[in-house]
Every structure is written in structure tokens, then in C-alpha cells.
Amino acid sequence: PEKQKEEIVSLNDLIESIIGERPKFFRAPFGQNTDYSRQIAAE
């Protein structure tokens, strides 16, 4: 779960630093979401 959060949130931080806004859509690799990745995406 800790690594899942890092994979998602750190990329949002990076994208925001480049384009000035955070993404509104999340697509999991291989289409494989977990309960925790769903929670992080919602947060």
C-alpha cells in the first residue's frame, strides 16, 4: 500500500510541477486497481 501511494501521488506532484495542475483521471497499469489505489485516487 505504501508503494501504491508513492506510485500515484508522486506522479501527481511531478505532473503539477510541470503543467501547473493535477490530473483528473487515473488509469492503473494493466487495468488492475486495488481497493487502496481506488482510495488514493479518490483522495
PDB file of all heavy atoms in Angstrom:
ATOM      1  N   PRO A   1       0.807  -1.217   0.000  1.00  0.00           N
ATOM      2  CA  PRO A   1       0.000   0.000   0.000  1.00  0.00           C
ATOM      3  C   PRO A   1       0.843   1.272   0.000  1.00  0.00           C
ATOM      4  O   PRO A   1       0.512   2.237  -0.696  1.00  0.00           O
ATOM      5  CB  PRO A   1      -0.817  -0.125   1.290  1.00  0.00           C
ATOM      6  CG  PRO A   1      -0.947  -1.590   1.499  1.00  0.00           C
ATOM      7  CD  PRO A   1       0.368  -2.162   1.045  1.00  0.00           C
ATOM      8  N   GLU A   2       1.935   1.253   0.747  1.00  0.00           N
ATOM      9  CA  GLU A   2       2.805   2.436   0.786  1.00  0.00           C
ATOM     10  C   GLU A   2       3.389   2.729  -0.588  1.00  0.00           C
ATOM     11  O   GLU A   2       3.453   3.892  -1.016  1.00  0.00           O
ATOM     12  CB  GLU A   2       3.931   2.228   1.801  1.00  0.00           C
ATOM     13  CG  GLU A   2       3.484   2.147   3.250  1.00  0.00           C
ATOM     14  CD  GLU A   2       2.869   0.804   3.610  1.00  0.00           C
ATOM     15  OE1 GLU A   2       3.038  -0.170   2.836  1.00  0.00           O
ATOM     16  OE2 GLU A   2       2.201   0.732   4.668  1.00  0.00           O
ATOM     17  N   LYS A   3       3.803   1.680  -1.279  1.00  0.00           N
ATOM     18  CA  LYS A   3       4.377   1.852  -2.610  1.00  0.00           C
ATOM     19  C   LYS A   3       3.309   2.286  -3.616  1.00  0.00           C
ATOM     20  O   LYS A   3       3.570   3.095  -4.516  1.00  0.00           O
ATOM     21  CB  LYS A   3       5.035   0.548  -3.068  1.00  0.00           C
ATOM     22  CG  LYS A   3       5.762   0.656  -4.398  1.00  0.00           C
ATOM     23  CD  LYS A   3       6.919   1.646  -4.347  1.00  0.00           C
ATOM     24  CE  LYS A   3       7.688   1.666  -5.666  1.00  0.00           C
ATOM     25  NZ  LYS A   3       8.743   2.709  -5.667  1.00  0.00           N
ATOM     26  N   GLN A   4       2.090   1.762  -3.474  1.00  0.00           N
ATOM     27  CA  GLN A   4       0.999   2.172  -4.357  1.00  0.00           C
ATOM     28  C   GLN A   4       0.765   3.678  -4.239  1.00  0.00           C
ATOM     29  O   GLN A   4       0.607   4.376  -5.251  1.00  0.00           O
ATOM     30  CB  GLN A   4      -0.292   1.431  -3.994  1.00  0.00           C
ATOM     31  CG  GLN A   4      -0.280  -0.052  -4.296  1.00  0.00           C
ATOM     32  CD  GLN A   4      -1.577  -0.728  -3.901  1.00  0.00           C
ATOM     33  OE1 GLN A   4      -2.660  -0.273  -4.276  1.00  0.00           O
ATOM     34  NE2 GLN A   4      -1.494  -1.802  -3.141  1.00  0.00           N
ATOM     35  N   LYS A   5       0.735   4.164  -3.003  1.00  0.00           N
ATOM     36  CA  LYS A   5       0.518   5.603  -2.785  1.00  0.00           C
ATOM     37  C   LYS A   5       1.643   6.416  -3.413  1.00  0.00           C
ATOM     38  O   LYS A   5       1.397   7.447  -4.065  1.00  0.00           O
ATOM     39  CB  LYS A   5       0.424   5.892  -1.291  1.00  0.00           C
ATOM     40  CG  LYS A   5       0.136   7.359  -0.981  1.00  0.00           C
ATOM     41  CD  LYS A   5      -0.101   7.583   0.503  1.00  0.00           C
ATOM     42  CE  LYS A   5      -0.457   9.044   0.787  1.00  0.00           C
ATOM     43  NZ  LYS A   5      -0.749   9.269   2.226  1.00  0.00           N
ATOM     44  N   GLU A   6       2.868   5.945  -3.261  1.00  0.00           N
ATOM     45  CA  GLU A   6       4.012   6.652  -3.841  1.00  0.00           C
ATOM     46  C   GLU A   6       3.913   6.687  -5.362  1.00  0.00           C
ATOM     47  O   GLU A   6       4.174   7.725  -5.988  1.00  0.00           O
ATOM     48  CB  GLU A   6       5.305   5.970  -3.414  1.00  0.00           C
ATOM     49  CG  GLU A   6       6.560   6.629  -3.964  1.00  0.00           C
ATOM     50  CD  GLU A   6       7.824   5.901  -3.572  1.00  0.00           C
ATOM     51  OE1 GLU A   6       7.764   5.060  -2.645  1.00  0.00           O
ATOM     52  OE2 GLU A   6       8.871   6.156  -4.192  1.00  0.00           O
ATOM     53  N   GLU A   7       3.533   5.558  -5.948  1.00  0.00           N
ATOM     54  CA  GLU A   7       3.408   5.472  -7.408  1.00  0.00           C
ATOM     55  C   GLU A   7       2.401   6.489  -7.947  1.00  0.00           C
ATOM     56  O   GLU A   7       2.591   7.059  -9.021  1.00  0.00           O
ATOM     57  CB  GLU A   7       2.958   4.064  -7.809  1.00  0.00           C
ATOM     58  CG  GLU A   7       4.040   3.029  -7.778  1.00  0.00           C
ATOM     59  CD  GLU A   7       4.951   3.110  -8.974  1.00  0.00           C
ATOM     60  OE1 GLU A   7       4.471   3.403 -10.087  1.00  0.00           O
ATOM     61  OE2 GLU A   7       6.170   2.893  -8.805  1.00  0.00           O
ATOM     62  N   ILE A   8       1.329   6.712  -7.211  1.00  0.00           N
ATOM     63  CA  ILE A   8       0.252   7.588  -7.684  1.00  0.00           C
ATOM     64  C   ILE A   8       0.497   9.045  -7.308  1.00  0.00           C
ATOM     65  O   ILE A   8       0.471   9.937  -8.169  1.00  0.00           O
ATOM     66  CB  ILE A   8      -1.100   7.111  -7.111  1.00  0.00           C
ATOM     67  CG1 ILE A   8      -1.411   5.696  -7.611  1.00  0.00           C
ATOM     68  CG2 ILE A   8      -2.226   8.074  -7.505  1.00  0.00           C
ATOM     69  CD1 ILE A   8      -2.574   5.022  -6.903  1.00  0.00           C
ATOM     70  N   VAL A   9       0.762   9.297  -6.035  1.00  0.00           N
ATOM     71  CA  VAL A   9       0.853  10.678  -5.551  1.00  0.00           C
ATOM     72  C   VAL A   9       2.116  11.368  -6.052  1.00  0.00           C
ATOM     73  O   VAL A   9       2.081  12.553  -6.419  1.00  0.00           O
ATOM     74  CB  VAL A   9       0.769  10.725  -4.015  1.00  0.00           C
ATOM     75  CG1 VAL A   9       0.927  12.160  -3.514  1.00  0.00           C
ATOM     76  CG2 VAL A   9      -0.558  10.145  -3.536  1.00  0.00           C
ATOM     77  N   SER A  10       3.229  10.659  -6.074  1.00  0.00           N
ATOM     78  CA  SER A  10       4.466  11.300  -6.531  1.00  0.00           C
ATOM     79  C   SER A  10       4.362  11.726  -7.988  1.00  0.00           C
ATOM     80  O   SER A  10       4.901  12.762  -8.388  1.00  0.00           O
ATOM     81  CB  SER A  10       5.666  10.361  -6.341  1.00  0.00           C
ATOM     82  OG  SER A  10       5.573   9.227  -7.188  1.00  0.00           O
ATOM     83  N   LEU A  11       3.634  10.944  -8.783  1.00  0.00           N
ATOM     84  CA  LEU A  11       3.442  11.341 -10.186  1.00  0.00           C
ATOM     85  C   LEU A  11       2.538  12.561 -10.282  1.00  0.00           C
ATOM     86  O   LEU A  11       2.794  13.466 -11.091  1.00  0.00           O
ATOM     87  CB  LEU A  11       2.876  10.190 -11.002  1.00  0.00           C
ATOM     88  CG  LEU A  11       2.631  10.509 -12.488  1.00  0.00           C
ATOM     89  CD1 LEU A  11       3.895  11.020 -13.167  1.00  0.00           C
ATOM     90  CD2 LEU A  11       2.085   9.286 -13.224  1.00  0.00           C
ATOM     91  N   ASN A  12       1.495  12.603  -9.477  1.00  0.00           N
ATOM     92  CA  ASN A  12       0.653  13.806  -9.466  1.00  0.00           C
ATOM     93  C   ASN A  12       1.464  15.041  -9.101  1.00  0.00           C
ATOM     94  O   ASN A  12       1.296  16.111  -9.701  1.00  0.00           O
ATOM     95  CB  ASN A  12      -0.499  13.638  -8.471  1.00  0.00           C
ATOM     96  CG  ASN A  12      -1.712  12.957  -9.091  1.00  0.00           C
ATOM     97  OD1 ASN A  12      -1.710  12.637 -10.265  1.00  0.00           O
ATOM     98  ND2 ASN A  12      -2.727  12.731  -8.294  1.00  0.00           N
ATOM     99  N   ASP A  13       2.337  14.905  -8.115  1.00  0.00           N
ATOM    100  CA  ASP A  13       3.188  16.024  -7.709  1.00  0.00           C
ATOM    101  C   ASP A  13       4.083  16.466  -8.865  1.00  0.00           C
ATOM    102  O   ASP A  13       4.247  17.668  -9.125  1.00  0.00           O
ATOM    103  CB  ASP A  13       4.060  15.629  -6.509  1.00  0.00           C
ATOM    104  CG  ASP A  13       3.262  15.409  -5.232  1.00  0.00           C
ATOM    105  OD1 ASP A  13       2.109  15.892  -5.163  1.00  0.00           O
ATOM    106  OD2 ASP A  13       3.802  14.761  -4.310  1.00  0.00           O
ATOM    107  N   LEU A  14       4.656  15.484  -9.559  1.00  0.00           N
ATOM    108  CA  LEU A  14       5.551  15.788 -10.677  1.00  0.00           C
ATOM    109  C   LEU A  14       4.789  16.459 -11.819  1.00  0.00           C
ATOM    110  O   LEU A  14       5.247  17.469 -12.377  1.00  0.00           O
ATOM    111  CB  LEU A  14       6.218  14.509 -11.172  1.00  0.00           C
ATOM    112  CG  LEU A  14       7.164  14.640 -12.372  1.00  0.00           C
ATOM    113  CD1 LEU A  14       8.293  15.636 -12.085  1.00  0.00           C
ATOM    114  CD2 LEU A  14       7.733  13.267 -12.752  1.00  0.00           C
ATOM    115  N   ILE A  15       3.634  15.908 -12.169  1.00  0.00           N
ATOM    116  CA  ILE A  15       2.836  16.497 -13.245  1.00  0.00           C
ATOM    117  C   ILE A  15       2.448  17.931 -12.908  1.00  0.00           C
ATOM    118  O   ILE A  15       2.546  18.832 -13.747  1.00  0.00           O
ATOM    119  CB  ILE A  15       1.579  15.637 -13.503  1.00  0.00           C
ATOM    120  CG1 ILE A  15       1.979  14.306 -14.125  1.00  0.00           C
ATOM    121  CG2 ILE A  15       0.594  16.381 -14.414  1.00  0.00           C
ATOM    122  CD1 ILE A  15       0.836  13.301 -14.248  1.00  0.00           C
ATOM    123  N   GLU A  16       2.028  18.155 -11.666  1.00  0.00           N
ATOM    124  CA  GLU A  16       1.646  19.507 -11.256  1.00  0.00           C
ATOM    125  C   GLU A  16       2.818  20.474 -11.367  1.00  0.00           C
ATOM    126  O   GLU A  16       2.644  21.640 -11.754  1.00  0.00           O
ATOM    127  CB  GLU A  16       1.114  19.497  -9.832  1.00  0.00           C
ATOM    128  CG  GLU A  16       0.594  20.863  -9.376  1.00  0.00           C
ATOM    129  CD  GLU A  16      -0.018  20.832  -7.990  1.00  0.00           C
ATOM    130  OE1 GLU A  16       0.377  19.967  -7.174  1.00  0.00           O
ATOM    131  OE2 GLU A  16      -0.896  21.675  -7.706  1.00  0.00           O
ATOM    132  N   SER A  17       4.012  20.005 -11.045  1.00  0.00           N
ATOM    133  CA  SER A  17       5.194  20.878 -11.130  1.00  0.00           C
ATOM    134  C   SER A  17       5.517  21.262 -12.570  1.00  0.00           C
ATOM    135  O   SER A  17       6.161  22.279 -12.822  1.00  0.00           O
ATOM    136  CB  SER A  17       6.406  20.184 -10.495  1.00  0.00           C
ATOM    137  OG  SER A  17       6.903  19.129 -11.312  1.00  0.00           O
ATOM    138  N   ILE A  18       5.047  20.452 -13.526  1.00  0.00           N
ATOM    139  CA  ILE A  18       5.342  20.699 -14.941  1.00  0.00           C
ATOM    140  C   ILE A  18       4.255  21.511 -15.620  1.00  0.00           C
ATOM    141  O   ILE A  18       4.544  22.467 -16.354  1.00  0.00           O
ATOM    142  CB  ILE A  18       5.529  19.357 -15.686  1.00  0.00           C
ATOM    143  CG1 ILE A  18       6.740  18.599 -15.117  1.00  0.00           C
ATOM    144  CG2 ILE A  18       5.728  19.596 -17.196  1.00  0.00           C
ATOM    145  CD1 ILE A  18       6.846  17.169 -15.619  1.00  0.00           C
ATOM    146  N   ILE A  19       2.988  21.146 -15.396  1.00  0.00           N
ATOM    147  CA  ILE A  19       1.895  21.796 -16.136  1.00  0.00           C
ATOM    148  C   ILE A  19       1.029  22.704 -15.262  1.00  0.00           C
ATOM    149  O   ILE A  19       0.140  23.380 -15.770  1.00  0.00           O
ATOM    150  CB  ILE A  19       0.998  20.764 -16.842  1.00  0.00           C
ATOM    151  CG1 ILE A  19       0.220  19.912 -15.820  1.00  0.00           C
ATOM    152  CG2 ILE A  19       1.829  19.871 -17.778  1.00  0.00           C
ATOM    153  CD1 ILE A  19      -0.810  18.996 -16.451  1.00  0.00           C
ATOM    154  N   GLY A  20       1.274  22.693 -13.947  1.00  0.00           N
ATOM    155  CA  GLY A  20       0.548  23.607 -13.070  1.00  0.00           C
ATOM    156  C   GLY A  20      -0.787  23.105 -12.566  1.00  0.00           C
ATOM    157  O   GLY A  20      -1.527  23.849 -11.923  1.00  0.00           O
ATOM    158  N   GLU A  21      -1.119  21.842 -12.840  1.00  0.00           N
ATOM    159  CA  GLU A  21      -2.368  21.279 -12.336  1.00  0.00           C
ATOM    160  C   GLU A  21      -2.223  19.779 -12.166  1.00  0.00           C
ATOM    161  O   GLU A  21      -1.361  19.143 -12.780  1.00  0.00           O
ATOM    162  CB  GLU A  21      -3.537  21.584 -13.273  1.00  0.00           C
ATOM    163  CG  GLU A  21      -3.386  21.037 -14.664  1.00  0.00           C
ATOM    164  CD  GLU A  21      -4.513  21.482 -15.588  1.00  0.00           C
ATOM    165  OE1 GLU A  21      -4.689  22.701 -15.770  1.00  0.00           O
ATOM    166  OE2 GLU A  21      -5.221  20.592 -16.115  1.00  0.00           O
ATOM    167  N   ARG A  22      -3.076  19.219 -11.315  1.00  0.00           N
ATOM    168  CA  ARG A  22      -3.029  17.789 -11.050  1.00  0.00           C
ATOM    169  C   ARG A  22      -4.009  17.056 -11.967  1.00  0.00           C
ATOM    170  O   ARG A  22      -5.026  17.620 -12.369  1.00  0.00           O
ATOM    171  CB  ARG A  22      -3.346  17.512  -9.575  1.00  0.00           C
ATOM    172  CG  ARG A  22      -2.342  18.142  -8.634  1.00  0.00           C
ATOM    173  CD  ARG A  22      -2.718  17.999  -7.180  1.00  0.00           C
ATOM    174  NE  ARG A  22      -2.297  16.726  -6.595  1.00  0.00           N
ATOM    175  CZ  ARG A  22      -1.061  16.463  -6.206  1.00  0.00           C
ATOM    176  NH1 ARG A  22      -0.098  17.371  -6.364  1.00  0.00           N
ATOM    177  NH2 ARG A  22      -0.765  15.298  -5.665  1.00  0.00           N
ATOM    178  N   PRO A  23      -3.718  15.810 -12.294  1.00  0.00           N
ATOM    179  CA  PRO A  23      -4.600  15.048 -13.182  1.00  0.00           C
ATOM    180  C   PRO A  23      -5.982  14.813 -12.578  1.00  0.00           C
ATOM    181  O   PRO A  23      -6.135  14.713 -11.363  1.00  0.00           O
ATOM    182  CB  PRO A  23      -3.858  13.717 -13.356  1.00  0.00           C
ATOM    183  CG  PRO A  23      -2.433  14.030 -13.058  1.00  0.00           C
ATOM    184  CD  PRO A  23      -2.476  15.076 -11.990  1.00  0.00           C
ATOM    185  N   LYS A  24      -6.968  14.679 -13.455  1.00  0.00           N
ATOM    186  CA  LYS A  24      -8.337  14.391 -13.037  1.00  0.00           C
ATOM    187  C   LYS A  24      -8.727  12.942 -13.324  1.00  0.00           C
ATOM    188  O   LYS A  24      -9.808  12.506 -12.919  1.00  0.00           O
ATOM    189  CB  LYS A  24      -9.310  15.329 -13.744  1.00  0.00           C
ATOM    190  CG  LYS A  24      -9.118  16.800 -13.373  1.00  0.00           C
ATOM    191  CD  LYS A  24     -10.106  17.685 -14.112  1.00  0.00           C
ATOM    192  CE  LYS A  24      -9.915  19.147 -13.727  1.00  0.00           C
ATOM    193  NZ  LYS A  24     -10.845  20.037 -14.468  1.00  0.00           N
ATOM    194  N   PHE A  25      -7.854  12.218 -14.028  1.00  0.00           N
ATOM    195  CA  PHE A  25      -8.146  10.832 -14.383  1.00  0.00           C
ATOM    196  C   PHE A  25      -6.989   9.933 -13.976  1.00  0.00           C
ATOM    197  O   PHE A  25      -5.819  10.308 -14.104  1.00  0.00           O
ATOM    198  CB  PHE A  25      -8.394  10.693 -15.882  1.00  0.00           C
ATOM    199  CG  PHE A  25      -9.542  11.514 -16.400  1.00  0.00           C
ATOM    200  CD1 PHE A  25      -9.323  12.724 -17.048  1.00  0.00           C
ATOM    201  CD2 PHE A  25     -10.855  11.089 -16.230  1.00  0.00           C
ATOM    202  CE1 PHE A  25     -10.374  13.482 -17.524  1.00  0.00           C
ATOM    203  CE2 PHE A  25     -11.917  11.843 -16.709  1.00  0.00           C
ATOM    204  CZ  PHE A  25     -11.679  13.043 -17.352  1.00  0.00           C
ATOM    205  N   PHE A  26      -7.326   8.723 -13.510  1.00  0.00           N
ATOM    206  CA  PHE A  26      -6.306   7.737 -13.137  1.00  0.00           C
ATOM    207  C   PHE A  26      -6.576   6.425 -13.858  1.00  0.00           C
ATOM    208  O   PHE A  26      -7.692   5.910 -13.840  1.00  0.00           O
ATOM    209  CB  PHE A  26      -6.307   7.479 -11.631  1.00  0.00           C
ATOM    210  CG  PHE A  26      -5.371   6.379 -11.217  1.00  0.00           C
ATOM    211  CD1 PHE A  26      -3.992   6.565 -11.306  1.00  0.00           C
ATOM    212  CD2 PHE A  26      -5.859   5.156 -10.764  1.00  0.00           C
ATOM    213  CE1 PHE A  26      -3.122   5.543 -10.947  1.00  0.00           C
ATOM    214  CE2 PHE A  26      -4.986   4.134 -10.399  1.00  0.00           C
ATOM    215  CZ  PHE A  26      -3.616   4.332 -10.491  1.00  0.00           C
ATOM    216  N   ARG A  27      -5.552   5.905 -14.501  1.00  0.00           N
ATOM    217  CA  ARG A  27      -5.635   4.587 -15.134  1.00  0.00           C
ATOM    218  C   ARG A  27      -4.517   3.718 -14.569  1.00  0.00           C
ATOM    219  O   ARG A  27      -3.334   4.032 -14.713  1.00  0.00           O
ATOM    220  CB  ARG A  27      -5.517   4.699 -16.649  1.00  0.00           C
ATOM    221  CG  ARG A  27      -5.459   3.338 -17.358  1.00  0.00           C
ATOM    222  CD  ARG A  27      -5.505   3.520 -18.869  1.00  0.00           C
ATOM    223  NE  ARG A  27      -6.879   3.755 -19.337  1.00  0.00           N
ATOM    224  CZ  ARG A  27      -7.173   4.246 -20.529  1.00  0.00           C
ATOM    225  NH1 ARG A  27      -6.211   4.592 -21.371  1.00  0.00           N
ATOM    226  NH2 ARG A  27      -8.432   4.412 -20.884  1.00  0.00           N
ATOM    227  N   ALA A  28      -4.909   2.629 -13.937  1.00  0.00           N
ATOM    228  CA  ALA A  28      -3.931   1.716 -13.352  1.00  0.00           C
ATOM    229  C   ALA A  28      -3.252   0.899 -14.439  1.00  0.00           C
ATOM    230  O   ALA A  28      -3.885   0.515 -15.428  1.00  0.00           O
ATOM    231  CB  ALA A  28      -4.623   0.785 -12.364  1.00  0.00           C
ATOM    232  N   PRO A  29      -1.963   0.612 -14.302  1.00  0.00           N
ATOM    233  CA  PRO A  29      -1.292  -0.282 -15.253  1.00  0.00           C
ATOM    234  C   PRO A  29      -2.015  -1.625 -15.330  1.00  0.00           C
ATOM    235  O   PRO A  29      -2.464  -2.165 -14.314  1.00  0.00           O
ATOM    236  CB  PRO A  29       0.104  -0.447 -14.641  1.00  0.00           C
ATOM    237  CG  PRO A  29       0.322   0.821 -13.872  1.00  0.00           C
ATOM    238  CD  PRO A  29      -1.028   1.150 -13.302  1.00  0.00           C
ATOM    239  N   PHE A  30      -2.181  -2.127 -16.532  1.00  0.00           N
ATOM    240  CA  PHE A  30      -2.848  -3.395 -16.803  1.00  0.00           C
ATOM    241  C   PHE A  30      -4.322  -3.380 -16.399  1.00  0.00           C
ATOM    242  O   PHE A  30      -4.964  -4.426 -16.356  1.00  0.00           O
ATOM    243  CB  PHE A  30      -2.129  -4.552 -16.094  1.00  0.00           C
ATOM    244  CG  PHE A  30      -0.634  -4.487 -16.196  1.00  0.00           C
ATOM    245  CD1 PHE A  30       0.141  -4.151 -15.099  1.00  0.00           C
ATOM    246  CD2 PHE A  30       0.002  -4.729 -17.410  1.00  0.00           C
ATOM    247  CE1 PHE A  30       1.511  -4.068 -15.195  1.00  0.00           C
ATOM    248  CE2 PHE A  30       1.381  -4.652 -17.512  1.00  0.00           C
ATOM    249  CZ  PHE A  30       2.139  -4.314 -16.406  1.00  0.00           C
ATOM    250  N   GLY A  31      -4.866  -2.197 -16.075  1.00  0.00           N
ATOM    251  CA  GLY A  31      -6.248  -2.100 -15.642  1.00  0.00           C
ATOM    252  C   GLY A  31      -6.497  -2.696 -14.275  1.00  0.00           C
ATOM    253  O   GLY A  31      -7.642  -2.987 -13.916  1.00  0.00           O
ATOM    254  N   GLN A  32      -5.427  -2.876 -13.487  1.00  0.00           N
ATOM    255  CA  GLN A  32      -5.513  -3.590 -12.221  1.00  0.00           C
ATOM    256  C   GLN A  32      -5.540  -2.628 -11.031  1.00  0.00           C
ATOM    257  O   GLN A  32      -4.505  -2.314 -10.446  1.00  0.00           O
ATOM    258  CB  GLN A  32      -4.341  -4.566 -12.082  1.00  0.00           C
ATOM    259  CG  GLN A  32      -4.334  -5.653 -13.144  1.00  0.00           C
ATOM    260  CD  GLN A  32      -3.110  -6.538 -13.056  1.00  0.00           C
ATOM    261  OE1 GLN A  32      -2.091  -6.162 -12.459  1.00  0.00           O
ATOM    262  NE2 GLN A  32      -3.189  -7.708 -13.645  1.00  0.00           N
ATOM    263  N   ASN A  33      -6.711  -2.198 -10.650  1.00  0.00           N
ATOM    264  CA  ASN A  33      -6.852  -1.392  -9.447  1.00  0.00           C
ATOM    265  C   ASN A  33      -6.938  -2.286  -8.216  1.00  0.00           C
ATOM    266  O   ASN A  33      -7.326  -3.451  -8.291  1.00  0.00           O
ATOM    267  CB  ASN A  33      -8.111  -0.529  -9.529  1.00  0.00           C
ATOM    268  CG  ASN A  33      -7.897   0.736 -10.320  1.00  0.00           C
ATOM    269  OD1 ASN A  33      -7.144   1.608  -9.911  1.00  0.00           O
ATOM    270  ND2 ASN A  33      -8.551   0.832 -11.477  1.00  0.00           N
ATOM    271  N   THR A  34      -6.593  -1.714  -7.082  1.00  0.00           N
ATOM    272  CA  THR A  34      -6.793  -2.357  -5.793  1.00  0.00           C
ATOM    273  C   THR A  34      -7.742  -1.485  -4.989  1.00  0.00           C
ATOM    274  O   THR A  34      -8.007  -0.337  -5.347  1.00  0.00           O
ATOM    275  CB  THR A  34      -5.462  -2.503  -5.028  1.00  0.00           C
ATOM    276  OG1 THR A  34      -4.987  -1.192  -4.678  1.00  0.00           O
ATOM    277  CG2 THR A  34      -4.406  -3.216  -5.879  1.00  0.00           C
ATOM    278  N   ASP A  35      -8.218  -2.036  -3.878  1.00  0.00           N
ATOM    279  CA  ASP A  35      -9.074  -1.226  -3.011  1.00  0.00           C
ATOM    280  C   ASP A  35      -8.323   0.019  -2.553  1.00  0.00           C
ATOM    281  O   ASP A  35      -8.899   1.118  -2.474  1.00  0.00           O
ATOM    282  CB  ASP A  35      -9.532  -2.040  -1.799  1.00  0.00           C
ATOM    283  CG  ASP A  35     -10.537  -3.120  -2.161  1.00  0.00           C
ATOM    284  OD1 ASP A  35     -11.133  -3.033  -3.253  1.00  0.00           O
ATOM    285  OD2 ASP A  35     -10.717  -4.059  -1.349  1.00  0.00           O
ATOM    286  N   TYR A  36      -7.021  -0.138  -2.289  1.00  0.00           N
ATOM    287  CA  TYR A  36      -6.252   1.003  -1.792  1.00  0.00           C
ATOM    288  C   TYR A  36      -5.972   2.015  -2.899  1.00  0.00           C
ATOM    289  O   TYR A  36      -6.029   3.231  -2.660  1.00  0.00           O
ATOM    290  CB  TYR A  36      -4.934   0.525  -1.175  1.00  0.00           C
ATOM    291  CG  TYR A  36      -4.206   1.613  -0.438  1.00  0.00           C
ATOM    292  CD1 TYR A  36      -4.772   2.230   0.680  1.00  0.00           C
ATOM    293  CD2 TYR A  36      -2.953   2.060  -0.859  1.00  0.00           C
ATOM    294  CE1 TYR A  36      -4.113   3.249   1.359  1.00  0.00           C
ATOM    295  CE2 TYR A  36      -2.293   3.070  -0.185  1.00  0.00           C
ATOM    296  CZ  TYR A  36      -2.875   3.661   0.916  1.00  0.00           C
ATOM    297  OH  TYR A  36      -2.221   4.675   1.584  1.00  0.00           O
ATOM    298  N   SER A  37      -5.689   1.552  -4.096  1.00  0.00           N
ATOM    299  CA  SER A  37      -5.453   2.508  -5.191  1.00  0.00           C
ATOM    300  C   SER A  37      -6.716   3.296  -5.499  1.00  0.00           C
ATOM    301  O   SER A  37      -6.659   4.474  -5.839  1.00  0.00           O
ATOM    302  CB  SER A  37      -4.939   1.798  -6.446  1.00  0.00           C
ATOM    303  OG  SER A  37      -5.946   1.031  -7.074  1.00  0.00           O
ATOM    304  N   ARG A  38      -7.873   2.657  -5.357  1.00  0.00           N
ATOM    305  CA  ARG A  38      -9.141   3.360  -5.528  1.00  0.00           C
ATOM    306  C   ARG A  38      -9.293   4.444  -4.464  1.00  0.00           C
ATOM    307  O   ARG A  38      -9.754   5.557  -4.743  1.00  0.00           O
ATOM    308  CB  ARG A  38     -10.314   2.379  -5.436  1.00  0.00           C
ATOM    309  CG  ARG A  38     -10.425   1.425  -6.628  1.00  0.00           C
ATOM    310  CD  ARG A  38     -11.517   0.378  -6.391  1.00  0.00           C
ATOM    311  NE  ARG A  38     -11.626  -0.554  -7.493  1.00  0.00           N
ATOM    312  CZ  ARG A  38     -12.391  -0.388  -8.570  1.00  0.00           C
ATOM    313  NH1 ARG A  38     -13.136   0.706  -8.656  1.00  0.00           N
ATOM    314  NH2 ARG A  38     -12.427  -1.274  -9.535  1.00  0.00           N
ATOM    315  N   GLN A  39      -8.905   4.117  -3.255  1.00  0.00           N
ATOM    316  CA  GLN A  39      -8.984   5.090  -2.161  1.00  0.00           C
ATOM    317  C   GLN A  39      -8.063   6.276  -2.416  1.00  0.00           C
ATOM    318  O   GLN A  39      -8.464   7.434  -2.244  1.00  0.00           O
ATOM    319  CB  GLN A  39      -8.603   4.413  -0.842  1.00  0.00           C
ATOM    320  CG  GLN A  39      -8.562   5.360   0.354  1.00  0.00           C
ATOM    321  CD  GLN A  39      -8.057   4.672   1.616  1.00  0.00           C
ATOM    322  OE1 GLN A  39      -8.308   3.489   1.836  1.00  0.00           O
ATOM    323  NE2 GLN A  39      -7.319   5.411   2.432  1.00  0.00           N
ATOM    324  N   ILE A  40      -6.830   5.985  -2.834  1.00  0.00           N
ATOM    325  CA  ILE A  40      -5.870   7.057  -3.099  1.00  0.00           C
ATOM    326  C   ILE A  40      -6.350   7.931  -4.251  1.00  0.00           C
ATOM    327  O   ILE A  40      -6.256   9.164  -4.205  1.00  0.00           O
ATOM    328  CB  ILE A  40      -4.469   6.487  -3.406  1.00  0.00           C
ATOM    329  CG1 ILE A  40      -3.913   5.757  -2.185  1.00  0.00           C
ATOM    330  CG2 ILE A  40      -3.519   7.588  -3.841  1.00  0.00           C
ATOM    331  CD1 ILE A  40      -3.809   6.622  -0.950  1.00  0.00           C
ATOM    332  N   ALA A  41      -6.870   7.310  -5.297  1.00  0.00           N
ATOM    333  CA  ALA A  41      -7.387   8.084  -6.435  1.00  0.00           C
ATOM    334  C   ALA A  41      -8.505   9.012  -5.979  1.00  0.00           C
ATOM    335  O   ALA A  41      -8.571  10.178  -6.391  1.00  0.00           O
ATOM    336  CB  ALA A  41      -7.880   7.149  -7.530  1.00  0.00           C
ATOM    337  N   ALA A  42      -9.389   8.515  -5.119  1.00  0.00           N
ATOM    338  CA  ALA A  42     -10.482   9.341  -4.607  1.00  0.00           C
ATOM    339  C   ALA A  42      -9.945  10.490  -3.769  1.00  0.00           C
ATOM    340  O   ALA A  42     -10.416  11.640  -3.885  1.00  0.00           O
ATOM    341  CB  ALA A  42     -11.445   8.483  -3.787  1.00  0.00           C
ATOM    342  N   GLU A  43      -8.948  10.218  -2.930  1.00  0.00           N
ATOM    343  CA  GLU A  43      -8.352  11.273  -2.116  1.00  0.00           C
ATOM    344  C   GLU A  43      -7.673  12.330  -2.984  1.00  0.00           C
ATOM    345  O   GLU A  43      -7.658  13.520  -2.647  1.00  0.00           O
ATOM    346  CB  GLU A  43      -7.336  10.671  -1.143  1.00  0.00           C
ATOM    347  CG  GLU A  43      -7.972   9.815  -0.049  1.00  0.00           C
ATOM    348  CD  GLU A  43      -6.940   9.105   0.814  1.00  0.00           C
ATOM    349  OE1 GLU A  43      -5.718   9.250   0.530  1.00  0.00           O
ATOM    350  OE2 GLU A  43      -7.339   8.408   1.770  1.00  0.00           O
TER     351      GLU A  43
END
